[in-house]
Amino acid sequence: MALYLLFESPFGYALFHAYGMDEIAQDTQAVRDSTVDFNRFCQVVKLTAFSPSSSAIDGLNQCNAVSEGIMTDELRNFLELNLPKVKEGKKAKFCVGVSEPKVGSHISEVTKIPCQSNEFVLELLRGVRLHFAKFIKDWMPTDLEKRFGSQLQLGLGHSDSRAKVKSNVNQVDIMVIQAIFSLDTLDKDIKSFSMIVRKWYGYHFPELVKIVNDNYLYAKIAKFVENKSDLSETHIPALADIVGDEDKAKDIVEAAKASMGQDISPIDLINVQQFAQRVINLSEHRKKLYDYLVTMMNDIAPNLTYLIGEVIGARLICRAGSLSNLAKCPASTLQTLGAEKALFRALKTGGNTPKYGLIFHSSFIRRASGRNKGRMARFLANKCSFASRADFFSETSTSILVKS
C-alpha cells in the first residue's frame, strides 16, 4: 500500500510520497537514521504537491486548524486534487500519514481517505520538517520568501505559541487542581517535619508539648527559645507576641525553669533550628497557597464554593478532572466522588453501595443525624450538581443562584 505524508506549515500544505518504506517500516530506528542525511532521505521521500499559503495569517490559521483536528476547505481541496482517485465502492490502495490523529479521523470521516498516525509516520514527518526548506526550494514562488521573512516567521511563531498557551475559562480550573495537590503535599511535609522537631526538641524541653499544641507555634517557640537554660522573665513579652497569650508565655518560662529534659548539644540545636525554620516556611507558604485557592475558587466556581466550601469544592473538581467534567456529572455520581474503591467493591461483592464520598466532610452532612446522613448527601449532591453547572455554563461569574 502506497504511503503519502501530509505536512502543514505556515508556508502551505505539502504532500510527500514515501517510496520503499515497507522494508524498514518495522524498524523505527532505521527510519530515524535515514532522516538525518538529506541525500539519503530524499531518495525514499519525495515531494509530489505543494500549495503555498496566500498570506502569513492564512498559513497560521491553517496550522492552528490542523492542530485542533479540523479539516479546512483548503486542505480538503488540496487532498482531493493531488491524491489518487478512489472509485466508489472500491478500497483505497494508499493511506495518508498525518501528525495529528484527530485531523486524520476527520479526513477519513469526510473524504473516506484512509489516514494513519503512528511512531513510524511521526519519524518520517520529523525528517520532512528537518529538510522542509530544501524540499520546497524548487517549488517556492519567487515572492514567497519575501512574504515569509525572518521577522515575519518569528511573529508567526509567537502567535502560534500564544494561541496554544492562552488562558480560557475551560482551563483555569487546572490552577485549582494543582493548588489542592500542593496543599495536600504541604500538609504531609509540615506534619513530618513537625514530628521531627517535637521529638528532637522534646528530649531537651519535654514540657513544651503540653503547653503548645499547634505545630507552627511550636516551631516558632523552639526557634526562639533555643537552649531552655537561657530563658528568663525578660523573654515573656516576646513569647507573648508569638503565642498571643501572656499567661501561656509565663507558663513556658516556668516550665523551662523546672524542666526535666536533658541538655542539648550545639550540633543538635542547629539541626532542630533548621527543621523548625523549615516548618515555619512551609506553614507560611501553605497559608498563602490557601488564600490563593480561596480566591481562585470564588472566581471560577462561586456557587459551588458558597454551597460546600473552597477546599471540598476544589477536591470535587480535582477528583472529576475539571469543572467541565464535574458539571456534566449526574448528582448520583457526584455524591460518590472519592469513594470509588468502596463503590466498586460493593458492586463486585453485591454489598451496599456507599452513600457519600468527599461531600461527607461538608458541615451539612456532619451535623445531620445518623439516619438522615444519606438523605442529606443526596440533597447536597443534587444542589452541588446545579451549582457546578451554573458556574461552568453561565456567562457571568456570580453566586446569586445559590443564595437565592
Foldseek 3Di string as FASTA:
>chain_A
DWEKEWDAALQFIWIKTFAPCPVCLVPLVVLLVQLVDPVSLCVGIATQDTDGDPASVRSLVCVVCVQVLHQDPVNLVRCVVRPDDDDPPDDDPYAYEYQDVSVQVVCCVPVVGHYDYDSNSVSSVVSCVVCVCVRCVVVDDPCSCVRCDPVNVVVSVVVNVCVVPPDDLFCLLVLLLVLLVVLVVLVVLLVVLLVVLQVLCCLQQVVVCVLDVDSLLVLVVCLVCLHLVPDDPVCLVVNCVSVVDSVSSVVSNVSSVVPPHDGDDPVSSVVSNVSSVVSNVSVVVSVVSVVVQQVSCCAQQVQLCVQFHRNLSSVLCNQLVHLVSLLPDALVVSFARQVVVQQVVCVVVVHDGDLGHSSCPGPQLVPDDPVCSSVSSSVSSNSSNVRSNCSRPPPDRDNVVNVD
